[in-house]
Amino acid sequence: MGVQKLFILIFLIINIFVLGYKIHVYPYDFDLNYPLDFEVLIIEADTLFEYNLLTNQPYSKAAIFIPEENIIISQPFYVLKKLNIFRKTIIHELYHYYLTNFLNMNYKYQDIYIKKLGF
């Protein structure tokens, strides 16, 4: 797991300075009209290939919260908006951030709780 974390960090640094990943900060860069009041760094991948390379997740997983780095990495927003899942995906990942950082909930139970909330 340590090698993957190092790879993600190096890949993020290279892409931020060389390729210019889009970095967003919730809530300032979003108009979700949802009452989650904390700041989170959200990195939007430029392509689906970069998302897969960066997160090692399949394309069917729209975004991921990485607890070790305390960030959310998302597929390109235009893809999520085209599929009409942008708002739901971002709020779902924000709940992962909240449940991990503020309630210290075990990650494997978080999806059950978040799905009961409708996200």
PDB file of N, CA and C in Angstrom:
ATOM      1  N   MET A   1       0.827  -1.201   0.000  1.00  0.00           N
ATOM      2  CA  MET A   1       0.000   0.000   0.000  1.00  0.00           C
ATOM      3  C   MET A   1       0.863   1.253   0.000  1.00  0.00           C
ATOM      4  N   GLY A   2       2.018   1.214   0.617  1.00  0.00           N
ATOM      5  CA  GLY A   2       2.892   2.370   0.667  1.00  0.00           C
ATOM      6  C   GLY A   2       3.396   2.776  -0.699  1.00  0.00           C
ATOM      7  N   VAL A   3       3.655   1.803  -1.552  1.00  0.00           N
ATOM      8  CA  VAL A   3       4.133   2.089  -2.900  1.00  0.00           C
ATOM      9  C   VAL A   3       3.039   2.790  -3.698  1.00  0.00           C
ATOM     10  N   GLN A   4       1.779   2.339  -3.547  1.00  0.00           N
ATOM     11  CA  GLN A   4       0.676   2.962  -4.265  1.00  0.00           C
ATOM     12  C   GLN A   4       0.475   4.409  -3.796  1.00  0.00           C
ATOM     13  N   LYS A   5       0.582   4.655  -2.485  1.00  0.00           N
ATOM     14  CA  LYS A   5       0.451   6.021  -1.973  1.00  0.00           C
ATOM     15  C   LYS A   5       1.548   6.919  -2.537  1.00  0.00           C
ATOM     16  N   LEU A   6       2.767   6.408  -2.580  1.00  0.00           N
ATOM     17  CA  LEU A   6       3.881   7.173  -3.123  1.00  0.00           C
ATOM     18  C   LEU A   6       3.667   7.447  -4.599  1.00  0.00           C
ATOM     19  N   PHE A   7       3.198   6.441  -5.337  1.00  0.00           N
ATOM     20  CA  PHE A   7       2.914   6.611  -6.760  1.00  0.00           C
ATOM     21  C   PHE A   7       1.858   7.684  -6.978  1.00  0.00           C
ATOM     22  N   ILE A   8       0.781   7.641  -6.178  1.00  0.00           N
ATOM     23  CA  ILE A   8      -0.285   8.638  -6.307  1.00  0.00           C
ATOM     24  C   ILE A   8       0.256  10.034  -6.040  1.00  0.00           C
ATOM     25  N   LEU A   9       1.044  10.187  -4.987  1.00  0.00           N
ATOM     26  CA  LEU A   9       1.600  11.489  -4.642  1.00  0.00           C
ATOM     27  C   LEU A   9       2.517  12.013  -5.740  1.00  0.00           C
ATOM     28  N   ILE A  10       3.413  11.185  -6.230  1.00  0.00           N
ATOM     29  CA  ILE A  10       4.327  11.598  -7.308  1.00  0.00           C
ATOM     30  C   ILE A  10       3.540  11.935  -8.570  1.00  0.00           C
ATOM     31  N   PHE A  11       2.572  11.086  -8.905  1.00  0.00           N
ATOM     32  CA  PHE A  11       1.758  11.316 -10.095  1.00  0.00           C
ATOM     33  C   PHE A  11       0.980  12.618  -9.983  1.00  0.00           C
ATOM     34  N   LEU A  12       0.434  12.899  -8.793  1.00  0.00           N
ATOM     35  CA  LEU A  12      -0.300  14.155  -8.584  1.00  0.00           C
ATOM     36  C   LEU A  12       0.617  15.363  -8.751  1.00  0.00           C
ATOM     37  N   ILE A  13       1.786  15.312  -8.157  1.00  0.00           N
ATOM     38  CA  ILE A  13       2.722  16.439  -8.250  1.00  0.00           C
ATOM     39  C   ILE A  13       3.124  16.688  -9.693  1.00  0.00           C
ATOM     40  N   ILE A  14       3.474  15.630 -10.414  1.00  0.00           N
ATOM     41  CA  ILE A  14       3.870  15.781 -11.817  1.00  0.00           C
ATOM     42  C   ILE A  14       2.721  16.352 -12.641  1.00  0.00           C
ATOM     43  N   ASN A  15       1.535  15.814 -12.449  1.00  0.00           N
ATOM     44  CA  ASN A  15       0.404  16.263 -13.250  1.00  0.00           C
ATOM     45  C   ASN A  15      -0.081  17.657 -12.893  1.00  0.00           C
ATOM     46  N   ILE A  16       0.026  18.027 -11.640  1.00  0.00           N
ATOM     47  CA  ILE A  16      -0.388  19.369 -11.245  1.00  0.00           C
ATOM     48  C   ILE A  16       0.515  20.412 -11.895  1.00  0.00           C
ATOM     49  N   PHE A  17       1.817  20.167 -11.892  1.00  0.00           N
ATOM     50  CA  PHE A  17       2.743  21.155 -12.427  1.00  0.00           C
ATOM     51  C   PHE A  17       2.988  21.014 -13.924  1.00  0.00           C
ATOM     52  N   VAL A  18       2.912  19.813 -14.453  1.00  0.00           N
ATOM     53  CA  VAL A  18       3.197  19.603 -15.869  1.00  0.00           C
ATOM     54  C   VAL A  18       1.929  19.595 -16.709  1.00  0.00           C
ATOM     55  N   LEU A  19       0.967  18.786 -16.323  1.00  0.00           N
ATOM     56  CA  LEU A  19      -0.241  18.633 -17.127  1.00  0.00           C
ATOM     57  C   LEU A  19      -1.386  19.524 -16.649  1.00  0.00           C
ATOM     58  N   GLY A  20      -1.312  20.005 -15.428  1.00  0.00           N
ATOM     59  CA  GLY A  20      -2.323  20.930 -14.932  1.00  0.00           C
ATOM     60  C   GLY A  20      -3.655  20.303 -14.587  1.00  0.00           C
ATOM     61  N   TYR A  21      -3.641  19.288 -13.737  1.00  0.00           N
ATOM     62  CA  TYR A  21      -4.901  18.741 -13.247  1.00  0.00           C
ATOM     63  C   TYR A  21      -5.770  19.863 -12.723  1.00  0.00           C
ATOM     64  N   LYS A  22      -7.057  19.667 -12.821  1.00  0.00           N
ATOM     65  CA  LYS A  22      -7.982  20.654 -12.290  1.00  0.00           C
ATOM     66  C   LYS A  22      -8.187  20.369 -10.804  1.00  0.00           C
ATOM     67  N   ILE A  23      -7.856  21.326  -9.982  1.00  0.00           N
ATOM     68  CA  ILE A  23      -8.004  21.187  -8.537  1.00  0.00           C
ATOM     69  C   ILE A  23      -9.146  22.087  -8.088  1.00  0.00           C
ATOM     70  N   HIS A  24     -10.070  21.501  -7.353  1.00  0.00           N
ATOM     71  CA  HIS A  24     -11.237  22.233  -6.856  1.00  0.00           C
ATOM     72  C   HIS A  24     -11.269  22.126  -5.339  1.00  0.00           C
ATOM     73  N   VAL A  25     -11.867  23.114  -4.708  1.00  0.00           N
ATOM     74  CA  VAL A  25     -12.042  23.081  -3.260  1.00  0.00           C
ATOM     75  C   VAL A  25     -13.530  23.206  -2.964  1.00  0.00           C
ATOM     76  N   TYR A  26     -14.066  22.162  -2.323  1.00  0.00           N
ATOM     77  CA  TYR A  26     -15.449  22.230  -1.870  1.00  0.00           C
ATOM     78  C   TYR A  26     -15.464  23.034  -0.578  1.00  0.00           C
ATOM     79  N   PRO A  27     -16.346  23.941  -0.373  1.00  0.00           N
ATOM     80  CA  PRO A  27     -17.560  24.290  -1.096  1.00  0.00           C
ATOM     81  C   PRO A  27     -17.396  25.451  -2.073  1.00  0.00           C
ATOM     82  N   TYR A  28     -16.223  26.041  -2.151  1.00  0.00           N
ATOM     83  CA  TYR A  28     -16.041  27.286  -2.901  1.00  0.00           C
ATOM     84  C   TYR A  28     -16.225  27.138  -4.408  1.00  0.00           C
ATOM     85  N   ASP A  29     -15.835  26.017  -4.967  1.00  0.00           N
ATOM     86  CA  ASP A  29     -15.902  25.832  -6.414  1.00  0.00           C
ATOM     87  C   ASP A  29     -17.139  25.063  -6.865  1.00  0.00           C
ATOM     88  N   PHE A  30     -18.075  24.838  -5.945  1.00  0.00           N
ATOM     89  CA  PHE A  30     -19.248  24.032  -6.265  1.00  0.00           C
ATOM     90  C   PHE A  30     -20.521  24.729  -5.826  1.00  0.00           C
ATOM     91  N   ASP A  31     -21.584  24.508  -6.584  1.00  0.00           N
ATOM     92  CA  ASP A  31     -22.901  25.000  -6.214  1.00  0.00           C
ATOM     93  C   ASP A  31     -23.835  23.795  -6.121  1.00  0.00           C
ATOM     94  N   LEU A  32     -23.635  22.993  -5.074  1.00  0.00           N
ATOM     95  CA  LEU A  32     -24.406  21.766  -4.926  1.00  0.00           C
ATOM     96  C   LEU A  32     -25.687  21.976  -4.140  1.00  0.00           C
ATOM     97  N   ASN A  33     -25.812  23.128  -3.486  1.00  0.00           N
ATOM     98  CA  ASN A  33     -26.981  23.416  -2.669  1.00  0.00           C
ATOM     99  C   ASN A  33     -27.236  22.288  -1.672  1.00  0.00           C
ATOM    100  N   TYR A  34     -26.174  21.950  -0.931  1.00  0.00           N
ATOM    101  CA  TYR A  34     -26.258  20.878   0.062  1.00  0.00           C
ATOM    102  C   TYR A  34     -25.486  21.310   1.304  1.00  0.00           C
ATOM    103  N   PRO A  35     -26.048  21.102   2.496  1.00  0.00           N
ATOM    104  CA  PRO A  35     -25.461  21.676   3.717  1.00  0.00           C
ATOM    105  C   PRO A  35     -24.320  20.873   4.354  1.00  0.00           C
ATOM    106  N   LEU A  36     -23.276  20.581   3.610  1.00  0.00           N
ATOM    107  CA  LEU A  36     -22.071  19.994   4.203  1.00  0.00           C
ATOM    108  C   LEU A  36     -21.059  21.126   4.311  1.00  0.00           C
ATOM    109  N   ASP A  37     -20.682  21.472   5.527  1.00  0.00           N
ATOM    110  CA  ASP A  37     -19.898  22.679   5.760  1.00  0.00           C
ATOM    111  C   ASP A  37     -18.471  22.357   6.211  1.00  0.00           C
ATOM    112  N   PHE A  38     -17.605  22.030   5.270  1.00  0.00           N
ATOM    113  CA  PHE A  38     -16.191  21.808   5.525  1.00  0.00           C
ATOM    114  C   PHE A  38     -15.467  21.942   4.197  1.00  0.00           C
ATOM    115  N   GLU A  39     -14.151  22.056   4.246  1.00  0.00           N
ATOM    116  CA  GLU A  39     -13.365  22.215   3.032  1.00  0.00           C
ATOM    117  C   GLU A  39     -12.712  20.892   2.645  1.00  0.00           C
ATOM    118  N   VAL A  40     -12.798  20.552   1.359  1.00  0.00           N
ATOM    119  CA  VAL A  40     -12.215  19.317   0.843  1.00  0.00           C
ATOM    120  C   VAL A  40     -11.554  19.611  -0.496  1.00  0.00           C
ATOM    121  N   LEU A  41     -10.382  19.053  -0.686  1.00  0.00           N
ATOM    122  CA  LEU A  41      -9.680  19.150  -1.956  1.00  0.00           C
ATOM    123  C   LEU A  41     -10.200  18.063  -2.885  1.00  0.00           C
ATOM    124  N   ILE A  42     -10.672  18.468  -4.069  1.00  0.00           N
ATOM    125  CA  ILE A  42     -11.177  17.527  -5.063  1.00  0.00           C
ATOM    126  C   ILE A  42     -10.354  17.689  -6.329  1.00  0.00           C
ATOM    127  N   ILE A  43      -9.760  16.595  -6.773  1.00  0.00           N
ATOM    128  CA  ILE A  43      -8.938  16.616  -7.973  1.00  0.00           C
ATOM    129  C   ILE A  43      -9.735  15.972  -9.099  1.00  0.00           C
ATOM    130  N   GLU A  44      -9.906  16.717 -10.166  1.00  0.00           N
ATOM    131  CA  GLU A  44     -10.626  16.235 -11.337  1.00  0.00           C
ATOM    132  C   GLU A  44      -9.620  15.742 -12.363  1.00  0.00           C
ATOM    133  N   ALA A  45      -9.676  14.469 -12.707  1.00  0.00           N
ATOM    134  CA  ALA A  45      -8.794  13.921 -13.728  1.00  0.00           C
ATOM    135  C   ALA A  45      -9.173  14.506 -15.086  1.00  0.00           C
ATOM    136  N   ASP A  46      -8.184  14.664 -15.949  1.00  0.00           N
ATOM    137  CA  ASP A  46      -8.436  15.223 -17.275  1.00  0.00           C
ATOM    138  C   ASP A  46      -9.103  14.219 -18.201  1.00  0.00           C
ATOM    139  N   THR A  47      -8.782  12.945 -18.044  1.00  0.00           N
ATOM    140  CA  THR A  47      -9.345  11.897 -18.901  1.00  0.00           C
ATOM    141  C   THR A  47      -9.691  10.685 -18.050  1.00  0.00           C
ATOM    142  N   LEU A  48     -10.483   9.801 -18.616  1.00  0.00           N
ATOM    143  CA  LEU A  48     -10.807   8.557 -17.920  1.00  0.00           C
ATOM    144  C   LEU A  48      -9.567   7.698 -17.736  1.00  0.00           C
ATOM    145  N   PHE A  49      -8.678   7.709 -18.720  1.00  0.00           N
ATOM    146  CA  PHE A  49      -7.442   6.941 -18.618  1.00  0.00           C
ATOM    147  C   PHE A  49      -6.602   7.431 -17.443  1.00  0.00           C
ATOM    148  N   GLU A  50      -6.468   8.743 -17.288  1.00  0.00           N
ATOM    149  CA  GLU A  50      -5.704   9.292 -16.170  1.00  0.00           C
ATOM    150  C   GLU A  50      -6.364   8.960 -14.836  1.00  0.00           C
ATOM    151  N   TYR A  51      -7.689   8.987 -14.798  1.00  0.00           N
ATOM    152  CA  TYR A  51      -8.399   8.618 -13.578  1.00  0.00           C
ATOM    153  C   TYR A  51      -8.074   7.175 -13.194  1.00  0.00           C
ATOM    154  N   ASN A  52      -8.142   6.286 -14.163  1.00  0.00           N
ATOM    155  CA  ASN A  52      -7.840   4.886 -13.925  1.00  0.00           C
ATOM    156  C   ASN A  52      -6.396   4.697 -13.494  1.00  0.00           C
ATOM    157  N   LEU A  53      -5.488   5.396 -14.139  1.00  0.00           N
ATOM    158  CA  LEU A  53      -4.067   5.292 -13.805  1.00  0.00           C
ATOM    159  C   LEU A  53      -3.791   5.829 -12.398  1.00  0.00           C
ATOM    160  N   LEU A  54      -4.432   6.919 -12.058  1.00  0.00           N
ATOM    161  CA  LEU A  54      -4.202   7.574 -10.771  1.00  0.00           C
ATOM    162  C   LEU A  54      -4.824   6.816  -9.601  1.00  0.00           C
ATOM    163  N   THR A  55      -6.013   6.269  -9.805  1.00  0.00           N
ATOM    164  CA  THR A  55      -6.747   5.654  -8.698  1.00  0.00           C
ATOM    165  C   THR A  55      -6.734   4.127  -8.712  1.00  0.00           C
ATOM    166  N   ASN A  56      -6.378   3.556  -9.842  1.00  0.00           N
ATOM    167  CA  ASN A  56      -6.422   2.102 -10.020  1.00  0.00           C
ATOM    168  C   ASN A  56      -7.848   1.578  -9.851  1.00  0.00           C
ATOM    169  N   GLN A  57      -8.826   2.417 -10.185  1.00  0.00           N
ATOM    170  CA  GLN A  57     -10.241   2.062 -10.096  1.00  0.00           C
ATOM    171  C   GLN A  57     -10.816   1.870 -11.500  1.00  0.00           C
ATOM    172  N   PRO A  58     -11.841   1.042 -11.630  1.00  0.00           N
ATOM    173  CA  PRO A  58     -12.482   0.877 -12.937  1.00  0.00           C
ATOM    174  C   PRO A  58     -13.283   2.127 -13.295  1.00  0.00           C
ATOM    175  N   TYR A  59     -13.621   2.244 -14.567  1.00  0.00           N
ATOM    176  CA  TYR A  59     -14.387   3.406 -15.025  1.00  0.00           C
ATOM    177  C   TYR A  59     -15.787   3.447 -14.422  1.00  0.00           C
ATOM    178  N   SER A  60     -16.270   2.314 -13.947  1.00  0.00           N
ATOM    179  CA  SER A  60     -17.602   2.275 -13.352  1.00  0.00           C
ATOM    180  C   SER A  60     -17.649   3.000 -12.002  1.00  0.00           C
ATOM    181  N   LYS A  61     -16.499   3.240 -11.388  1.00  0.00           N
ATOM    182  CA  LYS A  61     -16.430   3.981 -10.121  1.00  0.00           C
ATOM    183  C   LYS A  61     -16.125   5.434 -10.457  1.00  0.00           C
ATOM    184  N   ALA A  62     -17.098   6.312 -10.299  1.00  0.00           N
ATOM    185  CA  ALA A  62     -17.012   7.688 -10.782  1.00  0.00           C
ATOM    186  C   ALA A  62     -16.021   8.563 -10.027  1.00  0.00           C
ATOM    187  N   ALA A  63     -15.838   8.296  -8.746  1.00  0.00           N
ATOM    188  CA  ALA A  63     -14.917   9.085  -7.920  1.00  0.00           C
ATOM    189  C   ALA A  63     -14.530   8.238  -6.720  1.00  0.00           C
ATOM    190  N   ILE A  64     -13.486   8.688  -6.042  1.00  0.00           N
ATOM    191  CA  ILE A  64     -13.019   7.929  -4.878  1.00  0.00           C
ATOM    192  C   ILE A  64     -12.441   8.900  -3.847  1.00  0.00           C
ATOM    193  N   PHE A  65     -12.765   8.629  -2.583  1.00  0.00           N
ATOM    194  CA  PHE A  65     -12.138   9.352  -1.479  1.00  0.00           C
ATOM    195  C   PHE A  65     -10.956   8.523  -1.022  1.00  0.00           C
ATOM    196  N   ILE A  66      -9.797   9.146  -0.936  1.00  0.00           N
ATOM    197  CA  ILE A  66      -8.583   8.462  -0.495  1.00  0.00           C
ATOM    198  C   ILE A  66      -8.265   8.952   0.917  1.00  0.00           C
ATOM    199  N   PRO A  67      -8.624   8.145   1.920  1.00  0.00           N
ATOM    200  CA  PRO A  67      -8.446   8.581   3.313  1.00  0.00           C
ATOM    201  C   PRO A  67      -7.001   8.903   3.680  1.00  0.00           C
ATOM    202  N   GLU A  68      -6.044   8.145   3.141  1.00  0.00           N
ATOM    203  CA  GLU A  68      -4.640   8.373   3.492  1.00  0.00           C
ATOM    204  C   GLU A  68      -4.149   9.744   3.036  1.00  0.00           C
ATOM    205  N   GLU A  69      -4.697  10.221   1.932  1.00  0.00           N
ATOM    206  CA  GLU A  69      -4.303  11.531   1.393  1.00  0.00           C
ATOM    207  C   GLU A  69      -5.317  12.620   1.749  1.00  0.00           C
ATOM    208  N   ASN A  70      -6.489  12.209   2.235  1.00  0.00           N
ATOM    209  CA  ASN A  70      -7.564  13.121   2.609  1.00  0.00           C
ATOM    210  C   ASN A  70      -8.042  13.966   1.429  1.00  0.00           C
ATOM    211  N   ILE A  71      -8.142  13.347   0.254  1.00  0.00           N
ATOM    212  CA  ILE A  71      -8.606  14.026  -0.958  1.00  0.00           C
ATOM    213  C   ILE A  71      -9.619  13.154  -1.679  1.00  0.00           C
ATOM    214  N   ILE A  72     -10.351  13.795  -2.570  1.00  0.00           N
ATOM    215  CA  ILE A  72     -11.271  13.096  -3.460  1.00  0.00           C
ATOM    216  C   ILE A  72     -10.713  13.231  -4.873  1.00  0.00           C
ATOM    217  N   ILE A  73     -10.662  12.121  -5.590  1.00  0.00           N
ATOM    218  CA  ILE A  73     -10.238  12.147  -6.988  1.00  0.00           C
ATOM    219  C   ILE A  73     -11.442  11.729  -7.818  1.00  0.00           C
ATOM    220  N   SER A  74     -11.740  12.519  -8.845  1.00  0.00           N
ATOM    221  CA  SER A  74     -12.935  12.313  -9.635  1.00  0.00           C
ATOM    222  C   SER A  74     -12.602  12.120 -11.105  1.00  0.00           C
ATOM    223  N   GLN A  75     -13.480  11.399 -11.777  1.00  0.00           N
ATOM    224  CA  GLN A  75     -13.414  11.358 -13.228  1.00  0.00           C
ATOM    225  C   GLN A  75     -13.658  12.771 -13.741  1.00  0.00           C
ATOM    226  N   PRO A  76     -13.386  13.035 -15.008  1.00  0.00           N
ATOM    227  CA  PRO A  76     -13.671  14.376 -15.543  1.00  0.00           C
ATOM    228  C   PRO A  76     -15.131  14.759 -15.292  1.00  0.00           C
ATOM    229  N   PHE A  77     -15.334  15.972 -14.858  1.00  0.00           N
ATOM    230  CA  PHE A  77     -16.679  16.423 -14.517  1.00  0.00           C
ATOM    231  C   PHE A  77     -17.628  16.346 -15.706  1.00  0.00           C
ATOM    232  N   TYR A  78     -17.122  16.587 -16.917  1.00  0.00           N
ATOM    233  CA  TYR A  78     -18.005  16.548 -18.079  1.00  0.00           C
ATOM    234  C   TYR A  78     -18.588  15.144 -18.265  1.00  0.00           C
ATOM    235  N   VAL A  79     -17.829  14.115 -17.891  1.00  0.00           N
ATOM    236  CA  VAL A  79     -18.325  12.735 -17.980  1.00  0.00           C
ATOM    237  C   VAL A  79     -19.445  12.532 -16.961  1.00  0.00           C
ATOM    238  N   LEU A  80     -19.215  12.984 -15.737  1.00  0.00           N
ATOM    239  CA  LEU A  80     -20.228  12.823 -14.686  1.00  0.00           C
ATOM    240  C   LEU A  80     -21.492  13.611 -15.017  1.00  0.00           C
ATOM    241  N   LYS A  81     -21.328  14.800 -15.570  1.00  0.00           N
ATOM    242  CA  LYS A  81     -22.494  15.613 -15.938  1.00  0.00           C
ATOM    243  C   LYS A  81     -23.241  14.994 -17.110  1.00  0.00           C
ATOM    244  N   LYS A  82     -22.516  14.427 -18.057  1.00  0.00           N
ATOM    245  CA  LYS A  82     -23.153  13.777 -19.205  1.00  0.00           C
ATOM    246  C   LYS A  82     -23.980  12.572 -18.756  1.00  0.00           C
ATOM    247  N   LEU A  83     -23.493  11.855 -17.756  1.00  0.00           N
ATOM    248  CA  LEU A  83     -24.204  10.703 -17.209  1.00  0.00           C
ATOM    249  C   LEU A  83     -25.261  11.102 -16.174  1.00  0.00           C
ATOM    250  N   ASN A  84     -25.347  12.395 -15.885  1.00  0.00           N
ATOM    251  CA  ASN A  84     -26.294  12.952 -14.922  1.00  0.00           C
ATOM    252  C   ASN A  84     -26.080  12.389 -13.508  1.00  0.00           C
ATOM    253  N   ILE A  85     -24.810  12.215 -13.133  1.00  0.00           N
ATOM    254  CA  ILE A  85     -24.484  11.702 -11.795  1.00  0.00           C
ATOM    255  C   ILE A  85     -23.501  12.623 -11.060  1.00  0.00           C
ATOM    256  N   PHE A  86     -23.274  13.812 -11.566  1.00  0.00           N
ATOM    257  CA  PHE A  86     -22.270  14.709 -10.989  1.00  0.00           C
ATOM    258  C   PHE A  86     -22.573  15.031  -9.525  1.00  0.00           C
ATOM    259  N   ARG A  87     -23.749  15.593  -9.265  1.00  0.00           N
ATOM    260  CA  ARG A  87     -24.104  16.030  -7.907  1.00  0.00           C
ATOM    261  C   ARG A  87     -24.104  14.858  -6.931  1.00  0.00           C
ATOM    262  N   LYS A  88     -24.741  13.765  -7.315  1.00  0.00           N
ATOM    263  CA  LYS A  88     -24.842  12.596  -6.451  1.00  0.00           C
ATOM    264  C   LYS A  88     -23.461  12.013  -6.139  1.00  0.00           C
ATOM    265  N   THR A  89     -22.588  11.979  -7.148  1.00  0.00           N
ATOM    266  CA  THR A  89     -21.244  11.429  -6.953  1.00  0.00           C
ATOM    267  C   THR A  89     -20.423  12.281  -5.998  1.00  0.00           C
ATOM    268  N   ILE A  90     -20.438  13.592  -6.201  1.00  0.00           N
ATOM    269  CA  ILE A  90     -19.649  14.485  -5.346  1.00  0.00           C
ATOM    270  C   ILE A  90     -20.160  14.431  -3.910  1.00  0.00           C
ATOM    271  N   ILE A  91     -21.464  14.466  -3.720  1.00  0.00           N
ATOM    272  CA  ILE A  91     -22.020  14.409  -2.363  1.00  0.00           C
ATOM    273  C   ILE A  91     -21.693  13.068  -1.713  1.00  0.00           C
ATOM    274  N   HIS A  92     -21.764  11.991  -2.468  1.00  0.00           N
ATOM    275  CA  HIS A  92     -21.413  10.664  -1.943  1.00  0.00           C
ATOM    276  C   HIS A  92     -19.983  10.661  -1.404  1.00  0.00           C
ATOM    277  N   GLU A  93     -19.052  11.195  -2.176  1.00  0.00           N
ATOM    278  CA  GLU A  93     -17.649  11.221  -1.743  1.00  0.00           C
ATOM    279  C   GLU A  93     -17.425  12.195  -0.592  1.00  0.00           C
ATOM    280  N   LEU A  94     -18.181  13.287  -0.561  1.00  0.00           N
ATOM    281  CA  LEU A  94     -18.087  14.220   0.565  1.00  0.00           C
ATOM    282  C   LEU A  94     -18.529  13.538   1.862  1.00  0.00           C
ATOM    283  N   TYR A  95     -19.534  12.687   1.762  1.00  0.00           N
ATOM    284  CA  TYR A  95     -19.945  11.930   2.944  1.00  0.00           C
ATOM    285  C   TYR A  95     -18.849  10.981   3.404  1.00  0.00           C
ATOM    286  N   HIS A  96     -18.137  10.358   2.475  1.00  0.00           N
ATOM    287  CA  HIS A  96     -17.002   9.512   2.873  1.00  0.00           C
ATOM    288  C   HIS A  96     -15.982  10.346   3.653  1.00  0.00           C
ATOM    289  N   TYR A  97     -15.704  11.549   3.157  1.00  0.00           N
ATOM    290  CA  TYR A  97     -14.766  12.447   3.855  1.00  0.00           C
ATOM    291  C   TYR A  97     -15.283  12.755   5.260  1.00  0.00           C
ATOM    292  N   TYR A  98     -16.555  13.142   5.344  1.00  0.00           N
ATOM    293  CA  TYR A  98     -17.149  13.528   6.619  1.00  0.00           C
ATOM    294  C   TYR A  98     -17.156  12.366   7.614  1.00  0.00           C
ATOM    295  N   LEU A  99     -17.605  11.210   7.170  1.00  0.00           N
ATOM    296  CA  LEU A  99     -17.706  10.054   8.067  1.00  0.00           C
ATOM    297  C   LEU A  99     -16.344   9.566   8.533  1.00  0.00           C
ATOM    298  N   THR A 100     -15.340   9.714   7.693  1.00  0.00           N
ATOM    299  CA  THR A 100     -13.982   9.306   8.057  1.00  0.00           C
ATOM    300  C   THR A 100     -13.347  10.297   9.024  1.00  0.00           C
ATOM    301  N   ASN A 101     -13.446  11.580   8.715  1.00  0.00           N
ATOM    302  CA  ASN A 101     -12.731  12.591   9.480  1.00  0.00           C
ATOM    303  C   ASN A 101     -13.454  13.091  10.726  1.00  0.00           C
ATOM    304  N   PHE A 102     -14.768  13.134  10.708  1.00  0.00           N
ATOM    305  CA  PHE A 102     -15.493  13.709  11.828  1.00  0.00           C
ATOM    306  C   PHE A 102     -16.155  12.668  12.731  1.00  0.00           C
ATOM    307  N   LEU A 103     -16.540  11.519  12.162  1.00  0.00           N
ATOM    308  CA  LEU A 103     -17.196  10.492  12.964  1.00  0.00           C
ATOM    309  C   LEU A 103     -16.345   9.244  13.136  1.00  0.00           C
ATOM    310  N   ASN A 104     -15.217   9.195  12.457  1.00  0.00           N
ATOM    311  CA  ASN A 104     -14.289   8.066  12.554  1.00  0.00           C
ATOM    312  C   ASN A 104     -14.984   6.721  12.287  1.00  0.00           C
ATOM    313  N   MET A 105     -15.924   6.738  11.329  1.00  0.00           N
ATOM    314  CA  MET A 105     -16.664   5.526  10.974  1.00  0.00           C
ATOM    315  C   MET A 105     -15.795   4.617  10.114  1.00  0.00           C
ATOM    316  N   ASN A 106     -15.878   3.333  10.347  1.00  0.00           N
ATOM    317  CA  ASN A 106     -15.157   2.345   9.556  1.00  0.00           C
ATOM    318  C   ASN A 106     -15.586   2.451   8.094  1.00  0.00           C
ATOM    319  N   TYR A 107     -14.597   2.425   7.192  1.00  0.00           N
ATOM    320  CA  TYR A 107     -14.853   2.662   5.767  1.00  0.00           C
ATOM    321  C   TYR A 107     -15.813   1.641   5.174  1.00  0.00           C
ATOM    322  N   LYS A 108     -15.758   0.395   5.631  1.00  0.00           N
ATOM    323  CA  LYS A 108     -16.607  -0.631   5.017  1.00  0.00           C
ATOM    324  C   LYS A 108     -18.087  -0.449   5.358  1.00  0.00           C
ATOM    325  N   TYR A 109     -18.412   0.289   6.411  1.00  0.00           N
ATOM    326  CA  TYR A 109     -19.802   0.557   6.761  1.00  0.00           C
ATOM    327  C   TYR A 109     -20.324   1.864   6.158  1.00  0.00           C
ATOM    328  N   GLN A 110     -19.425   2.681   5.656  1.00  0.00           N
ATOM    329  CA  GLN A 110     -19.835   3.989   5.158  1.00  0.00           C
ATOM    330  C   GLN A 110     -20.783   3.909   3.968  1.00  0.00           C
ATOM    331  N   ASP A 111     -20.504   3.026   3.013  1.00  0.00           N
ATOM    332  CA  ASP A 111     -21.367   2.933   1.840  1.00  0.00           C
ATOM    333  C   ASP A 111     -22.793   2.543   2.204  1.00  0.00           C
ATOM    334  N   ILE A 112     -22.959   1.678   3.194  1.00  0.00           N
ATOM    335  CA  ILE A 112     -24.297   1.285   3.643  1.00  0.00           C
ATOM    336  C   ILE A 112     -25.042   2.513   4.160  1.00  0.00           C
ATOM    337  N   TYR A 113     -24.371   3.301   4.992  1.00  0.00           N
ATOM    338  CA  TYR A 113     -24.978   4.505   5.572  1.00  0.00           C
ATOM    339  C   TYR A 113     -25.280   5.542   4.488  1.00  0.00           C
ATOM    340  N   ILE A 114     -24.344   5.775   3.589  1.00  0.00           N
ATOM    341  CA  ILE A 114     -24.510   6.786   2.544  1.00  0.00           C
ATOM    342  C   ILE A 114     -25.642   6.383   1.595  1.00  0.00           C
ATOM    343  N   LYS A 115     -25.750   5.116   1.268  1.00  0.00           N
ATOM    344  CA  LYS A 115     -26.830   4.666   0.386  1.00  0.00           C
ATOM    345  C   LYS A 115     -28.187   4.842   1.046  1.00  0.00           C
ATOM    346  N   LYS A 116     -28.263   4.684   2.366  1.00  0.00           N
ATOM    347  CA  LYS A 116     -29.521   4.917   3.083  1.00  0.00           C
ATOM    348  C   LYS A 116     -29.931   6.389   3.034  1.00  0.00           C
ATOM    349  N   LEU A 117     -28.924   7.265   2.889  1.00  0.00           N
ATOM    350  CA  LEU A 117     -29.206   8.704   2.757  1.00  0.00           C
ATOM    351  C   LEU A 117     -29.643   9.064   1.338  1.00  0.00           C
ATOM    352  N   GLY A 118     -29.471   8.134   0.408  1.00  0.00           N
ATOM    353  CA  GLY A 118     -29.893   8.384  -0.973  1.00  0.00           C
ATOM    354  C   GLY A 118     -28.783   8.787  -1.904  1.00  0.00           C
ATOM    355  N   PHE A 119     -27.533   8.598  -1.473  1.00  0.00           N
ATOM    356  CA  PHE A 119     -26.398   8.961  -2.310  1.00  0.00           C
ATOM    357  C   PHE A 119     -25.518   7.765  -2.522  1.00  0.00           C
TER     358      PHE A 119
END
